[in-house]
Amino acid sequence: MARPPFPPTPSPVPGGAPRPGAPAAPAAAAKKENDRRTLVVGRGISVQGTIQDAERLVVEGTVESSLINASELQIAQGGVFKGEVEVEDAELAGTIDGTLTVRGSLTIRSTGRLLGKAKCRRLKVEDGGQVTGQLEMITTPAAPAAPAPAAPAAAQPAAPRPAAG
C-alpha cells in the first residue's frame, strides 16, 4: 500500500485544486516570502558543529559552533551559545560566549550575558543585561540599496511656474 509521507496540504482555492498553469493565490505567495528557515535548539538539547542555511536560529539549549551566518539569532533565557557567529540581528536573553558580529541591531535583555568579543551597528542593553569583554561599534555606513547618483536628481525642487493670468 503506497501512501504519501505527509497528508496533502489544503488547497488555497475553495472547492478544490487550482487549475494547472493558473497563477498562485496572493496569500500563498505572501506566506512563502515570510517563511524563514528556522532552527530551534530546544531546552536540554546540545548541538556541536557548523550550522548552515538557517536564516533564523533560536537557542534554548546549548550550541557550540565555529561559525554561523544567519539573518537572526535569538538566545532564550537559559540558552547558551559558544563559538563564533555572524548575523544580521541578535537578541540575547541567555548567554553567548565567544565572538559575535551583528551587522544590524543587538539587543541584550535583562537576563542576557555577552562574554568575549562583539561588534554591532546598533546596541540596546536592558537594565540587568551584562557585557563582559570587548565591544566595538560598527560605524561604516551600510551598503546602499540603490545607486547613489539617482537620489540627487529626485531631490531637486521643481522650478516655479509663472502664474496664469
N, C-alpha and C. Protein backbone atom coordinates (compact mmCIF):
# COMPACT_ATOMS: atom_id res chain seq x y z
N MET A 1 0.83 -1.17 0.00
CA MET A 1 0.00 0.00 0.00
C MET A 1 0.88 1.24 0.00
N ALA A 2 0.79 2.04 -1.02
CA ALA A 2 1.59 3.26 -1.09
C ALA A 2 0.74 4.44 -0.66
N ARG A 3 1.27 5.24 0.22
CA ARG A 3 0.57 6.46 0.61
C ARG A 3 1.61 7.55 0.81
N PRO A 4 1.21 8.80 0.65
CA PRO A 4 2.18 9.89 0.78
C PRO A 4 2.69 9.98 2.22
N PRO A 5 3.95 10.43 2.41
CA PRO A 5 4.51 10.50 3.75
C PRO A 5 3.83 11.56 4.62
N PHE A 6 3.25 12.57 4.02
CA PHE A 6 2.57 13.62 4.76
C PHE A 6 1.18 13.80 4.17
N PRO A 7 0.22 14.22 4.97
CA PRO A 7 -1.11 14.46 4.41
C PRO A 7 -1.05 15.59 3.40
N PRO A 8 -1.91 15.56 2.38
CA PRO A 8 -1.88 16.62 1.38
C PRO A 8 -2.22 17.96 2.03
N THR A 9 -1.58 19.00 1.52
CA THR A 9 -1.85 20.34 2.06
C THR A 9 -3.17 20.84 1.51
N PRO A 10 -3.91 21.62 2.30
CA PRO A 10 -5.19 22.12 1.82
C PRO A 10 -4.99 23.09 0.66
N SER A 11 -5.93 23.07 -0.25
CA SER A 11 -5.85 23.92 -1.42
C SER A 11 -6.21 25.35 -1.06
N PRO A 12 -5.49 26.37 -1.60
CA PRO A 12 -5.83 27.76 -1.31
C PRO A 12 -7.13 28.18 -2.00
N VAL A 13 -7.59 27.42 -2.96
CA VAL A 13 -8.81 27.76 -3.69
C VAL A 13 -9.96 26.95 -3.11
N PRO A 14 -11.05 27.59 -2.64
CA PRO A 14 -12.15 26.82 -2.08
C PRO A 14 -12.75 25.90 -3.14
N GLY A 15 -13.07 24.68 -2.72
CA GLY A 15 -13.72 23.76 -3.64
C GLY A 15 -12.78 22.89 -4.43
N GLY A 16 -11.47 22.98 -4.23
CA GLY A 16 -10.60 22.07 -4.96
C GLY A 16 -9.27 22.68 -5.30
N ALA A 17 -8.53 21.93 -6.11
CA ALA A 17 -7.18 22.35 -6.50
C ALA A 17 -7.26 23.39 -7.61
N PRO A 18 -6.28 24.29 -7.68
CA PRO A 18 -6.27 25.27 -8.75
C PRO A 18 -6.00 24.60 -10.09
N ARG A 19 -6.42 25.26 -11.15
CA ARG A 19 -6.17 24.73 -12.50
C ARG A 19 -4.67 24.73 -12.77
N PRO A 20 -4.17 23.73 -13.49
CA PRO A 20 -2.75 23.75 -13.85
C PRO A 20 -2.45 24.98 -14.69
N GLY A 21 -1.36 25.65 -14.36
CA GLY A 21 -0.97 26.85 -15.10
C GLY A 21 -1.61 28.11 -14.55
N ALA A 22 -2.55 27.99 -13.59
CA ALA A 22 -3.17 29.17 -13.00
C ALA A 22 -2.19 29.83 -12.05
N PRO A 23 -2.23 31.17 -11.93
CA PRO A 23 -1.31 31.84 -11.02
C PRO A 23 -1.61 31.47 -9.57
N ALA A 24 -0.59 31.46 -8.74
CA ALA A 24 -0.75 31.13 -7.33
C ALA A 24 -1.56 32.21 -6.63
N ALA A 25 -2.27 31.80 -5.60
CA ALA A 25 -3.07 32.76 -4.84
C ALA A 25 -2.14 33.75 -4.15
N PRO A 26 -2.52 35.04 -4.07
CA PRO A 26 -1.65 36.04 -3.45
C PRO A 26 -1.33 35.71 -2.00
N ALA A 27 -2.26 35.17 -1.24
CA ALA A 27 -1.99 34.85 0.16
C ALA A 27 -0.92 33.77 0.27
N ALA A 28 -0.97 32.78 -0.60
CA ALA A 28 0.03 31.71 -0.57
C ALA A 28 1.41 32.26 -0.94
N ALA A 29 1.48 33.16 -1.90
CA ALA A 29 2.76 33.74 -2.30
C ALA A 29 3.33 34.59 -1.17
N ALA A 30 2.49 35.35 -0.49
CA ALA A 30 2.96 36.19 0.61
C ALA A 30 3.47 35.32 1.76
N LYS A 31 2.81 34.20 2.02
CA LYS A 31 3.23 33.32 3.11
C LYS A 31 4.61 32.74 2.82
N LYS A 32 4.84 32.33 1.57
CA LYS A 32 6.15 31.76 1.22
C LYS A 32 7.27 32.77 1.42
N GLU A 33 7.02 34.05 1.08
CA GLU A 33 8.05 35.07 1.24
C GLU A 33 8.37 35.30 2.71
N ASN A 34 7.39 35.15 3.60
CA ASN A 34 7.62 35.38 5.02
C ASN A 34 8.18 34.17 5.74
N ASP A 35 8.12 33.00 5.13
CA ASP A 35 8.68 31.80 5.76
C ASP A 35 10.20 31.95 5.83
N ARG A 36 10.74 31.59 7.00
CA ARG A 36 12.18 31.62 7.17
C ARG A 36 12.63 30.23 7.59
N ARG A 37 13.79 29.83 7.10
CA ARG A 37 14.35 28.56 7.53
C ARG A 37 14.82 28.75 8.97
N THR A 38 14.11 28.16 9.92
CA THR A 38 14.37 28.36 11.34
C THR A 38 14.84 27.07 11.98
N LEU A 39 15.91 27.16 12.75
CA LEU A 39 16.40 26.03 13.53
C LEU A 39 16.21 26.39 15.00
N VAL A 40 15.47 25.56 15.72
CA VAL A 40 15.25 25.75 17.15
C VAL A 40 15.98 24.64 17.89
N VAL A 41 16.91 25.02 18.74
CA VAL A 41 17.60 24.07 19.59
C VAL A 41 16.92 24.16 20.95
N GLY A 42 16.09 23.18 21.26
CA GLY A 42 15.25 23.22 22.45
C GLY A 42 16.00 23.04 23.75
N ARG A 43 15.30 23.33 24.84
CA ARG A 43 15.87 23.19 26.19
C ARG A 43 16.35 21.75 26.40
N GLY A 44 17.54 21.63 26.99
CA GLY A 44 18.09 20.31 27.28
C GLY A 44 18.79 19.66 26.10
N ILE A 45 18.82 20.34 24.95
CA ILE A 45 19.48 19.79 23.76
C ILE A 45 20.79 20.51 23.54
N SER A 46 21.83 19.75 23.19
CA SER A 46 23.16 20.30 22.93
C SER A 46 23.55 19.97 21.50
N VAL A 47 24.03 20.98 20.78
CA VAL A 47 24.43 20.82 19.38
C VAL A 47 25.85 21.34 19.22
N GLN A 48 26.70 20.56 18.52
CA GLN A 48 28.07 20.97 18.23
C GLN A 48 28.30 20.88 16.73
N GLY A 49 29.08 21.82 16.19
CA GLY A 49 29.41 21.78 14.77
C GLY A 49 29.02 23.06 14.07
N THR A 50 29.02 23.00 12.75
CA THR A 50 28.70 24.16 11.93
C THR A 50 27.25 24.09 11.50
N ILE A 51 26.56 25.19 11.64
CA ILE A 51 25.17 25.27 11.22
C ILE A 51 25.12 26.13 9.97
N GLN A 52 24.53 25.58 8.90
CA GLN A 52 24.45 26.29 7.64
C GLN A 52 23.01 26.38 7.19
N ASP A 53 22.72 27.36 6.37
CA ASP A 53 21.43 27.52 5.70
C ASP A 53 20.26 27.77 6.64
N ALA A 54 20.51 28.12 7.89
CA ALA A 54 19.42 28.52 8.78
C ALA A 54 19.35 30.03 8.75
N GLU A 55 18.20 30.57 8.37
CA GLU A 55 18.05 32.02 8.34
C GLU A 55 17.82 32.57 9.74
N ARG A 56 17.23 31.74 10.58
CA ARG A 56 16.93 32.16 11.95
C ARG A 56 17.31 31.02 12.87
N LEU A 57 18.07 31.35 13.92
CA LEU A 57 18.48 30.35 14.90
C LEU A 57 17.95 30.76 16.26
N VAL A 58 17.21 29.86 16.90
CA VAL A 58 16.69 30.08 18.25
C VAL A 58 17.37 29.07 19.15
N VAL A 59 18.08 29.55 20.18
CA VAL A 59 18.82 28.68 21.07
C VAL A 59 18.16 28.71 22.45
N GLU A 60 17.58 27.59 22.82
CA GLU A 60 17.02 27.42 24.16
C GLU A 60 17.89 26.48 24.97
N GLY A 61 18.68 25.64 24.29
CA GLY A 61 19.61 24.70 24.91
C GLY A 61 21.03 25.23 24.80
N THR A 62 21.94 24.38 24.29
CA THR A 62 23.35 24.76 24.15
C THR A 62 23.83 24.50 22.73
N VAL A 63 24.50 25.48 22.14
CA VAL A 63 25.08 25.34 20.81
C VAL A 63 26.55 25.72 20.89
N GLU A 64 27.41 24.84 20.38
CA GLU A 64 28.84 25.13 20.24
C GLU A 64 29.13 25.06 18.76
N SER A 65 29.48 26.21 18.16
CA SER A 65 29.65 26.27 16.72
C SER A 65 30.85 27.14 16.36
N SER A 66 31.51 26.77 15.26
CA SER A 66 32.67 27.53 14.82
C SER A 66 32.26 28.79 14.06
N LEU A 67 31.17 28.74 13.29
CA LEU A 67 30.75 29.92 12.53
C LEU A 67 29.33 29.72 12.05
N ILE A 68 28.54 30.74 12.21
CA ILE A 68 27.18 30.73 11.68
C ILE A 68 26.99 32.03 10.93
N ASN A 69 26.34 31.95 9.80
CA ASN A 69 25.98 33.16 9.07
C ASN A 69 24.48 33.07 8.84
N ALA A 70 23.71 33.85 9.58
CA ALA A 70 22.26 33.79 9.51
C ALA A 70 21.70 35.21 9.57
N SER A 71 20.40 35.33 9.36
CA SER A 71 19.77 36.63 9.45
C SER A 71 19.49 37.02 10.90
N GLU A 72 19.04 36.06 11.69
CA GLU A 72 18.60 36.38 13.04
C GLU A 72 19.05 35.32 14.03
N LEU A 73 19.55 35.77 15.17
CA LEU A 73 19.94 34.88 16.26
C LEU A 73 19.15 35.29 17.49
N GLN A 74 18.50 34.32 18.11
CA GLN A 74 17.76 34.58 19.33
C GLN A 74 18.20 33.54 20.36
N ILE A 75 18.75 34.02 21.47
CA ILE A 75 19.15 33.13 22.54
C ILE A 75 18.18 33.36 23.69
N ALA A 76 17.39 32.33 23.97
CA ALA A 76 16.36 32.43 25.01
C ALA A 76 17.00 32.37 26.38
N GLN A 77 16.25 32.79 27.41
CA GLN A 77 16.73 32.71 28.78
C GLN A 77 17.08 31.26 29.09
N GLY A 78 18.30 31.05 29.59
CA GLY A 78 18.78 29.70 29.87
C GLY A 78 19.55 29.09 28.71
N GLY A 79 19.44 29.67 27.51
CA GLY A 79 20.17 29.18 26.35
C GLY A 79 21.61 29.66 26.36
N VAL A 80 22.51 28.85 25.77
CA VAL A 80 23.94 29.18 25.73
C VAL A 80 24.46 28.95 24.32
N PHE A 81 25.18 29.95 23.79
CA PHE A 81 25.86 29.80 22.51
C PHE A 81 27.34 30.02 22.77
N LYS A 82 28.18 29.05 22.33
CA LYS A 82 29.63 29.17 22.47
C LYS A 82 30.24 29.07 21.08
N GLY A 83 31.10 30.04 20.74
CA GLY A 83 31.76 29.98 19.44
C GLY A 83 31.74 31.31 18.74
N GLU A 84 31.72 31.24 17.41
CA GLU A 84 31.77 32.43 16.57
C GLU A 84 30.52 32.49 15.72
N VAL A 85 29.90 33.68 15.65
CA VAL A 85 28.66 33.82 14.91
C VAL A 85 28.60 35.19 14.25
N GLU A 86 28.04 35.22 13.04
CA GLU A 86 27.82 36.47 12.32
C GLU A 86 26.38 36.48 11.85
N VAL A 87 25.62 37.51 12.27
CA VAL A 87 24.20 37.59 11.94
C VAL A 87 23.81 39.02 11.61
N GLU A 88 22.59 39.16 11.09
CA GLU A 88 22.06 40.49 10.80
C GLU A 88 21.55 41.14 12.09
N ASP A 89 20.72 40.43 12.87
CA ASP A 89 20.17 40.94 14.12
C ASP A 89 20.26 39.86 15.18
N ALA A 90 20.44 40.27 16.45
CA ALA A 90 20.55 39.30 17.53
C ALA A 90 19.83 39.81 18.77
N GLU A 91 19.21 38.87 19.48
CA GLU A 91 18.56 39.17 20.75
C GLU A 91 19.04 38.15 21.77
N LEU A 92 19.63 38.64 22.86
CA LEU A 92 20.19 37.77 23.87
C LEU A 92 19.41 37.88 25.17
N ALA A 93 18.75 36.81 25.56
CA ALA A 93 18.16 36.71 26.89
C ALA A 93 18.93 35.65 27.67
N GLY A 94 19.76 34.88 26.95
CA GLY A 94 20.63 33.86 27.54
C GLY A 94 22.07 34.33 27.48
N THR A 95 22.99 33.39 27.23
CA THR A 95 24.42 33.69 27.28
C THR A 95 25.08 33.37 25.94
N ILE A 96 25.95 34.28 25.49
CA ILE A 96 26.81 33.99 24.35
C ILE A 96 28.25 34.17 24.82
N ASP A 97 29.07 33.17 24.53
CA ASP A 97 30.47 33.16 24.95
C ASP A 97 31.31 32.93 23.70
N GLY A 98 31.96 33.98 23.21
CA GLY A 98 32.77 33.84 22.00
C GLY A 98 32.85 35.14 21.25
N THR A 99 32.72 35.05 19.92
CA THR A 99 32.82 36.20 19.03
C THR A 99 31.50 36.38 18.30
N LEU A 100 30.92 37.55 18.43
CA LEU A 100 29.63 37.86 17.84
C LEU A 100 29.77 39.08 16.95
N THR A 101 29.33 38.97 15.69
CA THR A 101 29.28 40.11 14.78
C THR A 101 27.83 40.29 14.36
N VAL A 102 27.29 41.48 14.63
CA VAL A 102 25.90 41.78 14.30
C VAL A 102 25.91 42.98 13.36
N ARG A 103 25.52 42.74 12.11
CA ARG A 103 25.54 43.82 11.11
C ARG A 103 24.42 44.83 11.34
N GLY A 104 23.44 44.46 12.11
CA GLY A 104 22.30 45.35 12.37
C GLY A 104 22.19 45.67 13.85
N SER A 105 21.13 45.16 14.49
CA SER A 105 20.78 45.52 15.86
C SER A 105 21.05 44.37 16.83
N LEU A 106 21.72 44.69 17.94
CA LEU A 106 21.97 43.74 19.01
C LEU A 106 21.20 44.20 20.24
N THR A 107 20.32 43.32 20.75
CA THR A 107 19.55 43.63 21.96
C THR A 107 19.94 42.63 23.03
N ILE A 108 20.37 43.15 24.18
CA ILE A 108 20.70 42.30 25.32
C ILE A 108 19.62 42.52 26.37
N ARG A 109 18.83 41.49 26.60
CA ARG A 109 17.73 41.56 27.57
C ARG A 109 18.28 41.57 29.00
N SER A 110 17.42 41.78 29.97
CA SER A 110 17.84 41.90 31.37
C SER A 110 18.52 40.62 31.88
N THR A 111 18.19 39.47 31.29
CA THR A 111 18.80 38.20 31.70
C THR A 111 19.96 37.81 30.78
N GLY A 112 20.27 38.63 29.77
CA GLY A 112 21.29 38.29 28.78
C GLY A 112 22.70 38.57 29.27
N ARG A 113 23.64 37.73 28.79
CA ARG A 113 25.05 37.91 29.11
C ARG A 113 25.87 37.74 27.84
N LEU A 114 26.74 38.71 27.59
CA LEU A 114 27.64 38.66 26.45
C LEU A 114 29.06 38.57 26.99
N LEU A 115 29.74 37.47 26.68
CA LEU A 115 31.11 37.25 27.14
C LEU A 115 32.00 37.13 25.90
N GLY A 116 33.12 37.85 25.89
CA GLY A 116 34.03 37.73 24.74
C GLY A 116 34.06 39.00 23.92
N LYS A 117 34.07 38.83 22.59
CA LYS A 117 34.17 39.96 21.66
C LYS A 117 32.87 40.11 20.89
N ALA A 118 32.47 41.37 20.68
CA ALA A 118 31.26 41.62 19.90
C ALA A 118 31.43 42.89 19.08
N LYS A 119 30.85 42.86 17.88
CA LYS A 119 30.77 44.03 17.01
C LYS A 119 29.31 44.18 16.63
N CYS A 120 28.81 45.42 16.63
CA CYS A 120 27.43 45.64 16.21
C CYS A 120 27.27 47.07 15.71
N ARG A 121 26.21 47.28 14.94
CA ARG A 121 25.91 48.62 14.41
C ARG A 121 25.02 49.39 15.40
N ARG A 122 24.02 48.71 15.98
CA ARG A 122 23.12 49.32 16.96
C ARG A 122 23.09 48.42 18.19
N LEU A 123 23.03 49.03 19.38
CA LEU A 123 23.08 48.27 20.62
C LEU A 123 22.02 48.77 21.59
N LYS A 124 21.32 47.80 22.21
CA LYS A 124 20.36 48.12 23.27
C LYS A 124 20.60 47.12 24.39
N VAL A 125 20.86 47.64 25.59
CA VAL A 125 21.08 46.79 26.74
C VAL A 125 20.04 47.16 27.80
N GLU A 126 19.21 46.19 28.16
CA GLU A 126 18.22 46.43 29.21
C GLU A 126 18.90 46.43 30.57
N ASP A 127 18.26 47.06 31.55
CA ASP A 127 18.78 47.09 32.90
C ASP A 127 18.95 45.66 33.40
N GLY A 128 20.16 45.32 33.80
CA GLY A 128 20.46 43.95 34.25
C GLY A 128 21.25 43.15 33.24
N GLY A 129 21.20 43.54 31.97
CA GLY A 129 21.98 42.85 30.94
C GLY A 129 23.47 43.05 31.18
N GLN A 130 24.29 42.04 30.86
CA GLN A 130 25.72 42.09 31.16
C GLN A 130 26.56 41.97 29.90
N VAL A 131 27.60 42.81 29.83
CA VAL A 131 28.58 42.74 28.75
C VAL A 131 29.95 42.64 29.41
N THR A 132 30.67 41.54 29.15
CA THR A 132 32.00 41.34 29.71
C THR A 132 32.93 41.01 28.55
N GLY A 133 33.92 41.86 28.32
CA GLY A 133 34.85 41.61 27.23
C GLY A 133 35.02 42.86 26.38
N GLN A 134 35.13 42.67 25.08
CA GLN A 134 35.39 43.76 24.15
C GLN A 134 34.16 44.00 23.28
N LEU A 135 33.74 45.26 23.22
CA LEU A 135 32.59 45.64 22.40
C LEU A 135 33.02 46.74 21.45
N GLU A 136 32.73 46.54 20.16
CA GLU A 136 33.10 47.51 19.13
C GLU A 136 31.87 47.87 18.32
N MET A 137 31.66 49.15 18.11
CA MET A 137 30.53 49.60 17.29
C MET A 137 30.97 49.70 15.84
N ILE A 138 30.14 49.20 14.94
CA ILE A 138 30.41 49.29 13.51
C ILE A 138 29.91 50.66 13.05
N THR A 139 30.81 51.48 12.55
CA THR A 139 30.44 52.85 12.18
C THR A 139 30.44 53.08 10.68
N THR A 140 30.93 52.13 9.91
CA THR A 140 30.92 52.31 8.46
C THR A 140 29.48 52.24 7.98
N PRO A 141 29.12 53.07 6.99
CA PRO A 141 27.74 53.04 6.51
C PRO A 141 27.41 51.71 5.85
N ALA A 142 26.16 51.32 5.99
CA ALA A 142 25.71 50.08 5.35
C ALA A 142 25.74 50.25 3.84
N ALA A 143 25.86 49.16 3.10
CA ALA A 143 25.90 49.22 1.64
C ALA A 143 24.59 49.80 1.12
N PRO A 144 24.65 50.75 0.20
CA PRO A 144 23.41 51.34 -0.31
C PRO A 144 22.61 50.34 -1.13
N ALA A 145 21.30 50.44 -1.03
CA ALA A 145 20.43 49.52 -1.75
C ALA A 145 20.24 49.96 -3.21
N ALA A 146 20.32 51.26 -3.46
CA ALA A 146 20.12 51.79 -4.81
C ALA A 146 21.34 52.62 -5.20
N PRO A 147 21.57 52.81 -6.50
CA PRO A 147 22.69 53.65 -6.93
C PRO A 147 22.55 55.07 -6.39
N ALA A 148 23.63 55.65 -5.91
CA ALA A 148 23.60 56.98 -5.30
C ALA A 148 23.29 58.11 -6.29
N PRO A 149 23.75 58.09 -7.57
CA PRO A 149 23.50 59.23 -8.45
C PRO A 149 22.02 59.52 -8.69
N ALA A 150 21.14 58.55 -8.58
CA ALA A 150 19.72 58.77 -8.84
C ALA A 150 19.07 59.63 -7.77
N ALA A 151 19.59 59.59 -6.54
CA ALA A 151 18.97 60.31 -5.43
C ALA A 151 19.04 61.83 -5.57
N PRO A 152 20.20 62.46 -5.93
CA PRO A 152 20.23 63.91 -6.01
C PRO A 152 19.27 64.48 -7.07
N ALA A 153 19.10 63.82 -8.18
CA ALA A 153 18.21 64.34 -9.22
C ALA A 153 16.77 64.36 -8.73
N ALA A 154 16.36 63.36 -7.99
CA ALA A 154 14.99 63.29 -7.49
C ALA A 154 14.76 64.28 -6.36
N ALA A 155 15.82 64.70 -5.69
CA ALA A 155 15.68 65.57 -4.52
C ALA A 155 15.60 67.05 -4.90
N GLN A 156 15.88 67.41 -6.17
CA GLN A 156 15.86 68.81 -6.57
C GLN A 156 14.43 69.31 -6.65
N PRO A 157 14.16 70.52 -6.10
CA PRO A 157 12.80 71.06 -6.21
C PRO A 157 12.49 71.48 -7.64
N ALA A 158 11.23 71.42 -7.98
CA ALA A 158 10.79 71.83 -9.32
C ALA A 158 10.89 73.34 -9.44
N ALA A 159 11.17 73.84 -10.64
CA ALA A 159 11.26 75.28 -10.86
C ALA A 159 9.86 75.89 -10.76
N PRO A 160 9.75 77.10 -10.15
CA PRO A 160 8.43 77.73 -10.03
C PRO A 160 7.85 78.06 -11.40
N ARG A 161 6.54 77.87 -11.52
CA ARG A 161 5.88 78.19 -12.78
C ARG A 161 5.25 79.58 -12.68
N PRO A 162 5.26 80.33 -13.79
CA PRO A 162 4.59 81.66 -13.75
C PRO A 162 3.08 81.48 -13.59
N ALA A 163 2.49 82.40 -12.88
CA ALA A 163 1.04 82.34 -12.65
C ALA A 163 0.31 82.68 -13.95
N ALA A 164 -0.73 81.91 -14.22
CA ALA A 164 -1.54 82.16 -15.42
C ALA A 164 -2.47 83.31 -15.13
N GLY A 165 -2.64 84.17 -16.07
CA GLY A 165 -3.48 85.28 -15.68
C GLY A 165 -4.04 86.00 -16.75
